[in-house]
Amino acid sequence: WTPLMTGSSANPAGQSGTGYYTKIGRAVSITGINFVSNVTSFNGNAIITGLPFTCASGNGYSTPCSTGETTNITFADMIAVEVQNNTTTITLREMTNGGVGSSITHADFSATSTLTFACTYYV
C-alpha cells in the first residue's frame, strides 16, 4: 500500500511513501514510511491516508501506532499516531508531558521530513 501524507485543506507538493501489510482474519498489521520533500501548498492538519482496509467501526477500534524514526517534524514532548475507526486514515498528534494534545499541522514539517510507523488494527 502507499501511505500518503495529506493536509486537511491542501496536500504537500512533494512526497513519497512505502508501506507493507499482512491481513490475517480481521487483523491488519501495517508498516510504513513517508517522506515529505516539498511543503509548498501543504496546509492544515497532517493525516496519512490510503490504509489498505477500512478500520472497524466503534469506539474500541481506534488504534494507536508506534513510531520509529521521525526527522524534521516539530512536535511537543511526544508524537501520537493513531488509526481512526471507520476510516482508512491515520492522525498525527503531539502530546505534552502534561497530557495536552493537539494536531500536528503543515507548519510542523520541513522539506525533508520523514515518519516511520507500525501498528495492527482490526477490520
N, C-alpha and C. Protein backbone atom coordinates (compact mmCIF):
# COMPACT_ATOMS: atom_id res chain seq x y z
N TRP A 1 0.84 -1.18 0.00
CA TRP A 1 0.00 0.00 0.00
C TRP A 1 0.88 1.23 0.00
N THR A 2 0.33 2.35 -0.36
CA THR A 2 1.11 3.58 -0.43
C THR A 2 0.57 4.59 0.57
N PRO A 3 1.27 4.81 1.68
CA PRO A 3 0.82 5.82 2.63
C PRO A 3 1.08 7.22 2.07
N LEU A 4 0.05 8.06 2.06
CA LEU A 4 0.18 9.42 1.55
C LEU A 4 -0.11 10.41 2.66
N MET A 5 0.78 11.39 2.83
CA MET A 5 0.57 12.46 3.78
C MET A 5 -0.35 13.48 3.12
N THR A 6 -1.42 13.81 3.81
CA THR A 6 -2.33 14.83 3.28
C THR A 6 -2.54 15.89 4.36
N GLY A 7 -2.96 17.05 3.92
CA GLY A 7 -3.36 18.11 4.84
C GLY A 7 -4.88 18.18 4.84
N SER A 8 -5.46 18.69 5.90
CA SER A 8 -6.92 18.76 5.96
C SER A 8 -7.47 19.72 4.92
N SER A 9 -6.62 20.63 4.39
CA SER A 9 -7.12 21.52 3.34
C SER A 9 -6.25 21.58 2.10
N ALA A 10 -5.01 21.08 2.13
CA ALA A 10 -4.17 21.02 0.93
C ALA A 10 -3.00 20.07 1.18
N ASN A 11 -2.62 19.30 0.17
CA ASN A 11 -1.57 18.29 0.29
C ASN A 11 -0.19 18.85 -0.04
N PRO A 12 0.88 18.22 0.49
CA PRO A 12 2.22 18.69 0.14
C PRO A 12 2.50 18.47 -1.34
N ALA A 13 3.29 19.37 -1.91
CA ALA A 13 3.60 19.29 -3.34
C ALA A 13 4.53 18.12 -3.67
N GLY A 14 5.36 17.72 -2.71
CA GLY A 14 6.29 16.62 -2.96
C GLY A 14 6.32 15.65 -1.80
N GLN A 15 6.12 14.37 -2.09
CA GLN A 15 6.18 13.34 -1.06
C GLN A 15 6.26 11.98 -1.70
N SER A 16 6.67 11.00 -0.90
CA SER A 16 6.63 9.61 -1.34
C SER A 16 6.44 8.76 -0.10
N GLY A 17 5.93 7.57 -0.30
CA GLY A 17 5.71 6.68 0.83
C GLY A 17 5.72 5.23 0.38
N THR A 18 6.10 4.37 1.29
CA THR A 18 6.09 2.93 1.05
C THR A 18 5.49 2.25 2.26
N GLY A 19 4.61 1.29 2.02
CA GLY A 19 4.01 0.57 3.12
C GLY A 19 3.86 -0.91 2.81
N TYR A 20 3.79 -1.70 3.86
CA TYR A 20 3.58 -3.14 3.74
C TYR A 20 2.49 -3.53 4.71
N TYR A 21 1.73 -4.56 4.36
CA TYR A 21 0.70 -5.03 5.28
C TYR A 21 0.54 -6.54 5.19
N THR A 22 0.04 -7.10 6.28
CA THR A 22 -0.36 -8.51 6.33
C THR A 22 -1.73 -8.55 6.97
N LYS A 23 -2.66 -9.27 6.35
CA LYS A 23 -4.00 -9.41 6.90
C LYS A 23 -4.24 -10.87 7.24
N ILE A 24 -4.57 -11.13 8.51
CA ILE A 24 -4.91 -12.47 8.97
C ILE A 24 -6.25 -12.35 9.67
N GLY A 25 -7.28 -12.93 9.10
CA GLY A 25 -8.62 -12.77 9.67
C GLY A 25 -9.01 -11.31 9.64
N ARG A 26 -9.39 -10.76 10.78
CA ARG A 26 -9.78 -9.35 10.87
C ARG A 26 -8.61 -8.43 11.22
N ALA A 27 -7.45 -8.99 11.56
CA ALA A 27 -6.30 -8.19 11.97
C ALA A 27 -5.45 -7.79 10.76
N VAL A 28 -5.13 -6.50 10.68
CA VAL A 28 -4.28 -5.98 9.62
C VAL A 28 -3.07 -5.33 10.28
N SER A 29 -1.88 -5.85 10.00
CA SER A 29 -0.63 -5.28 10.51
C SER A 29 0.00 -4.46 9.40
N ILE A 30 0.36 -3.22 9.72
CA ILE A 30 0.95 -2.34 8.71
C ILE A 30 2.27 -1.78 9.20
N THR A 31 3.15 -1.49 8.25
CA THR A 31 4.34 -0.70 8.49
C THR A 31 4.42 0.30 7.36
N GLY A 32 4.99 1.44 7.62
CA GLY A 32 5.08 2.43 6.56
C GLY A 32 6.14 3.48 6.85
N ILE A 33 6.54 4.14 5.79
CA ILE A 33 7.45 5.27 5.87
C ILE A 33 6.95 6.31 4.90
N ASN A 34 6.99 7.57 5.33
CA ASN A 34 6.55 8.66 4.47
C ASN A 34 7.62 9.74 4.47
N PHE A 35 7.95 10.23 3.28
CA PHE A 35 8.92 11.30 3.10
C PHE A 35 8.19 12.51 2.53
N VAL A 36 8.32 13.65 3.17
CA VAL A 36 7.79 14.90 2.62
C VAL A 36 8.99 15.67 2.09
N SER A 37 8.98 15.97 0.79
CA SER A 37 10.13 16.62 0.18
C SER A 37 9.84 18.04 -0.28
N ASN A 38 8.58 18.45 -0.27
CA ASN A 38 8.23 19.81 -0.68
C ASN A 38 6.95 20.20 0.05
N VAL A 39 7.04 21.14 0.96
CA VAL A 39 5.88 21.53 1.76
C VAL A 39 5.03 22.61 1.10
N THR A 40 5.42 23.02 -0.12
CA THR A 40 4.62 24.01 -0.83
C THR A 40 3.19 23.49 -0.98
N SER A 41 2.25 24.31 -0.66
CA SER A 41 0.81 24.05 -0.73
C SER A 41 0.28 23.13 0.37
N PHE A 42 1.16 22.55 1.19
CA PHE A 42 0.73 21.70 2.32
C PHE A 42 0.01 22.61 3.32
N ASN A 43 -1.21 22.25 3.73
CA ASN A 43 -1.96 23.10 4.64
C ASN A 43 -2.92 22.29 5.49
N GLY A 44 -3.03 22.65 6.75
CA GLY A 44 -3.99 22.02 7.65
C GLY A 44 -3.37 20.91 8.49
N ASN A 45 -4.24 20.13 9.14
CA ASN A 45 -3.80 19.03 9.99
C ASN A 45 -3.21 17.91 9.15
N ALA A 46 -2.11 17.33 9.62
CA ALA A 46 -1.42 16.25 8.89
C ALA A 46 -2.15 14.93 9.12
N ILE A 47 -2.45 14.23 8.04
CA ILE A 47 -3.16 12.95 8.08
C ILE A 47 -2.49 12.02 7.07
N ILE A 48 -2.30 10.76 7.44
CA ILE A 48 -1.82 9.75 6.49
C ILE A 48 -3.05 9.01 5.97
N THR A 49 -3.18 8.94 4.66
CA THR A 49 -4.34 8.29 4.05
C THR A 49 -3.92 7.06 3.26
N GLY A 50 -4.91 6.27 2.87
CA GLY A 50 -4.67 5.15 1.98
C GLY A 50 -4.43 3.82 2.64
N LEU A 51 -4.87 3.65 3.91
CA LEU A 51 -4.71 2.33 4.54
C LEU A 51 -5.33 1.26 3.64
N PRO A 52 -4.79 0.05 3.66
CA PRO A 52 -5.27 -0.98 2.74
C PRO A 52 -6.70 -1.46 3.01
N PHE A 53 -7.19 -1.31 4.24
CA PHE A 53 -8.55 -1.71 4.60
C PHE A 53 -9.14 -0.68 5.56
N THR A 54 -10.45 -0.52 5.55
CA THR A 54 -11.12 0.39 6.47
C THR A 54 -11.10 -0.20 7.88
N CYS A 55 -10.71 0.60 8.84
CA CYS A 55 -10.71 0.18 10.25
C CYS A 55 -12.16 -0.08 10.69
N ALA A 56 -12.35 -1.05 11.57
CA ALA A 56 -13.69 -1.38 12.07
C ALA A 56 -14.33 -0.16 12.72
N SER A 57 -15.65 -0.15 12.72
CA SER A 57 -16.41 0.95 13.30
C SER A 57 -16.65 0.70 14.79
N GLY A 58 -16.62 1.76 15.58
CA GLY A 58 -16.88 1.66 17.01
C GLY A 58 -15.75 2.26 17.80
N ASN A 59 -16.07 2.80 18.97
CA ASN A 59 -15.07 3.49 19.79
C ASN A 59 -13.88 2.64 20.16
N GLY A 60 -14.04 1.35 20.33
CA GLY A 60 -12.95 0.49 20.74
C GLY A 60 -11.96 0.15 19.65
N TYR A 61 -12.19 0.63 18.41
CA TYR A 61 -11.33 0.22 17.30
C TYR A 61 -10.30 1.24 16.87
N SER A 62 -10.34 2.47 17.37
CA SER A 62 -9.25 3.40 17.08
C SER A 62 -7.99 2.80 17.68
N THR A 63 -6.91 2.77 16.89
CA THR A 63 -5.73 2.00 17.29
C THR A 63 -4.48 2.86 17.29
N PRO A 64 -3.77 2.95 18.42
CA PRO A 64 -2.50 3.68 18.42
C PRO A 64 -1.44 2.93 17.64
N CYS A 65 -0.54 3.67 17.04
CA CYS A 65 0.58 3.10 16.29
C CYS A 65 1.88 3.46 16.99
N SER A 66 2.89 2.65 16.76
CA SER A 66 4.22 3.01 17.24
C SER A 66 4.94 3.77 16.14
N THR A 67 5.84 4.65 16.54
CA THR A 67 6.61 5.40 15.55
C THR A 67 8.08 5.05 15.71
N GLY A 68 8.75 5.06 14.59
CA GLY A 68 10.19 4.87 14.58
C GLY A 68 10.85 6.20 14.35
N GLU A 69 11.63 6.27 13.32
CA GLU A 69 12.36 7.50 13.02
C GLU A 69 11.40 8.61 12.60
N THR A 70 11.55 9.75 13.24
CA THR A 70 10.88 10.97 12.79
C THR A 70 11.96 12.02 12.64
N THR A 71 12.11 12.54 11.44
CA THR A 71 13.12 13.57 11.22
C THR A 71 12.45 14.82 10.69
N ASN A 72 12.90 15.95 11.19
CA ASN A 72 12.45 17.26 10.74
C ASN A 72 10.94 17.45 10.82
N ILE A 73 10.34 16.90 11.89
CA ILE A 73 8.94 17.16 12.22
C ILE A 73 8.96 17.75 13.63
N THR A 74 8.41 18.93 13.78
CA THR A 74 8.38 19.59 15.08
C THR A 74 7.15 19.14 15.85
N PHE A 75 7.34 18.69 17.08
CA PHE A 75 6.20 18.35 17.93
C PHE A 75 6.60 18.57 19.38
N ALA A 76 5.59 18.57 20.26
CA ALA A 76 5.84 18.80 21.69
C ALA A 76 6.67 17.64 22.23
N ASP A 77 6.36 17.15 23.40
CA ASP A 77 7.20 16.15 24.05
C ASP A 77 7.13 14.77 23.40
N MET A 78 6.00 14.42 22.82
CA MET A 78 5.89 13.12 22.14
C MET A 78 4.88 13.20 21.01
N ILE A 79 5.01 12.27 20.09
CA ILE A 79 4.11 12.20 18.94
C ILE A 79 3.15 11.03 19.16
N ALA A 80 1.89 11.24 18.82
CA ALA A 80 0.87 10.20 18.93
C ALA A 80 0.29 9.97 17.54
N VAL A 81 0.37 8.74 17.07
CA VAL A 81 -0.10 8.37 15.74
C VAL A 81 -1.17 7.31 15.91
N GLU A 82 -2.35 7.49 15.28
CA GLU A 82 -3.47 6.60 15.56
C GLU A 82 -4.33 6.35 14.33
N VAL A 83 -4.66 5.06 14.09
CA VAL A 83 -5.64 4.71 13.06
C VAL A 83 -7.01 5.08 13.61
N GLN A 84 -7.79 5.81 12.84
CA GLN A 84 -9.12 6.23 13.27
C GLN A 84 -10.17 5.21 12.87
N ASN A 85 -11.11 4.93 13.78
CA ASN A 85 -12.13 3.92 13.48
C ASN A 85 -13.00 4.34 12.29
N ASN A 86 -13.44 3.34 11.54
CA ASN A 86 -14.32 3.52 10.38
C ASN A 86 -13.71 4.41 9.29
N THR A 87 -12.38 4.42 9.19
CA THR A 87 -11.69 5.21 8.16
C THR A 87 -10.52 4.41 7.59
N THR A 88 -9.87 4.99 6.61
CA THR A 88 -8.60 4.47 6.09
C THR A 88 -7.51 5.51 6.34
N THR A 89 -7.58 6.20 7.48
CA THR A 89 -6.65 7.29 7.78
C THR A 89 -5.96 7.10 9.13
N ILE A 90 -4.81 7.76 9.24
CA ILE A 90 -4.03 7.82 10.47
C ILE A 90 -3.87 9.29 10.83
N THR A 91 -4.18 9.65 12.07
CA THR A 91 -3.98 11.03 12.51
C THR A 91 -2.65 11.16 13.23
N LEU A 92 -2.08 12.35 13.18
CA LEU A 92 -0.83 12.66 13.85
C LEU A 92 -1.11 13.77 14.86
N ARG A 93 -0.76 13.50 16.12
CA ARG A 93 -0.97 14.48 17.18
C ARG A 93 0.31 14.61 18.00
N GLU A 94 0.46 15.76 18.63
CA GLU A 94 1.56 15.98 19.56
C GLU A 94 0.98 16.04 20.96
N MET A 95 1.71 15.47 21.90
CA MET A 95 1.26 15.42 23.29
C MET A 95 2.34 16.00 24.19
N THR A 96 1.92 16.85 25.14
CA THR A 96 2.87 17.37 26.12
C THR A 96 2.97 16.38 27.28
N ASN A 97 4.00 16.51 28.08
CA ASN A 97 4.13 15.66 29.27
C ASN A 97 2.96 15.84 30.22
N GLY A 98 2.29 16.99 30.15
CA GLY A 98 1.12 17.25 30.97
C GLY A 98 -0.16 16.65 30.43
N GLY A 99 -0.08 15.97 29.28
CA GLY A 99 -1.24 15.30 28.71
C GLY A 99 -2.09 16.14 27.78
N VAL A 100 -1.63 17.30 27.39
CA VAL A 100 -2.37 18.16 26.47
C VAL A 100 -2.00 17.78 25.04
N GLY A 101 -3.01 17.51 24.22
CA GLY A 101 -2.77 17.11 22.84
C GLY A 101 -3.30 18.11 21.84
N SER A 102 -2.67 18.15 20.68
CA SER A 102 -3.14 18.96 19.56
C SER A 102 -2.66 18.32 18.27
N SER A 103 -3.31 18.67 17.18
CA SER A 103 -2.97 18.10 15.88
C SER A 103 -1.61 18.61 15.41
N ILE A 104 -0.87 17.72 14.75
CA ILE A 104 0.34 18.14 14.04
C ILE A 104 -0.13 18.70 12.70
N THR A 105 0.38 19.85 12.34
CA THR A 105 -0.08 20.53 11.13
C THR A 105 1.05 20.69 10.12
N HIS A 106 0.70 21.26 8.98
CA HIS A 106 1.68 21.51 7.92
C HIS A 106 2.86 22.33 8.42
N ALA A 107 2.63 23.22 9.37
CA ALA A 107 3.69 24.09 9.88
C ALA A 107 4.76 23.32 10.64
N ASP A 108 4.46 22.08 11.03
CA ASP A 108 5.41 21.27 11.78
C ASP A 108 6.36 20.47 10.89
N PHE A 109 6.20 20.56 9.58
CA PHE A 109 7.02 19.80 8.62
C PHE A 109 7.99 20.71 7.90
N SER A 110 9.12 20.14 7.48
CA SER A 110 10.05 20.85 6.61
C SER A 110 10.12 20.09 5.29
N ALA A 111 10.97 20.56 4.41
CA ALA A 111 11.09 19.94 3.08
C ALA A 111 11.86 18.63 3.12
N THR A 112 12.27 18.18 4.31
CA THR A 112 13.00 16.91 4.41
C THR A 112 12.47 16.09 5.59
N SER A 113 11.16 16.03 5.75
CA SER A 113 10.55 15.33 6.89
C SER A 113 10.35 13.85 6.59
N THR A 114 10.58 13.01 7.60
CA THR A 114 10.40 11.57 7.48
C THR A 114 9.63 11.06 8.70
N LEU A 115 8.71 10.12 8.47
CA LEU A 115 7.96 9.48 9.55
C LEU A 115 7.86 8.00 9.26
N THR A 116 8.27 7.16 10.21
CA THR A 116 8.07 5.71 10.09
C THR A 116 7.11 5.28 11.19
N PHE A 117 6.29 4.27 10.90
CA PHE A 117 5.26 3.86 11.85
C PHE A 117 4.87 2.40 11.61
N ALA A 118 4.22 1.80 12.61
CA ALA A 118 3.74 0.43 12.52
C ALA A 118 2.56 0.25 13.48
N CYS A 119 1.61 -0.59 13.12
CA CYS A 119 0.52 -0.93 14.05
C CYS A 119 -0.29 -2.09 13.50
N THR A 120 -1.15 -2.62 14.35
CA THR A 120 -2.11 -3.64 13.96
C THR A 120 -3.49 -3.11 14.31
N TYR A 121 -4.39 -3.09 13.32
CA TYR A 121 -5.75 -2.64 13.56
C TYR A 121 -6.72 -3.71 13.06
N TYR A 122 -7.99 -3.55 13.38
CA TYR A 122 -8.99 -4.56 13.04
C TYR A 122 -10.02 -4.03 12.06
N VAL A 123 -10.45 -4.89 11.16
CA VAL A 123 -11.45 -4.53 10.14
C VAL A 123 -12.78 -5.17 10.45
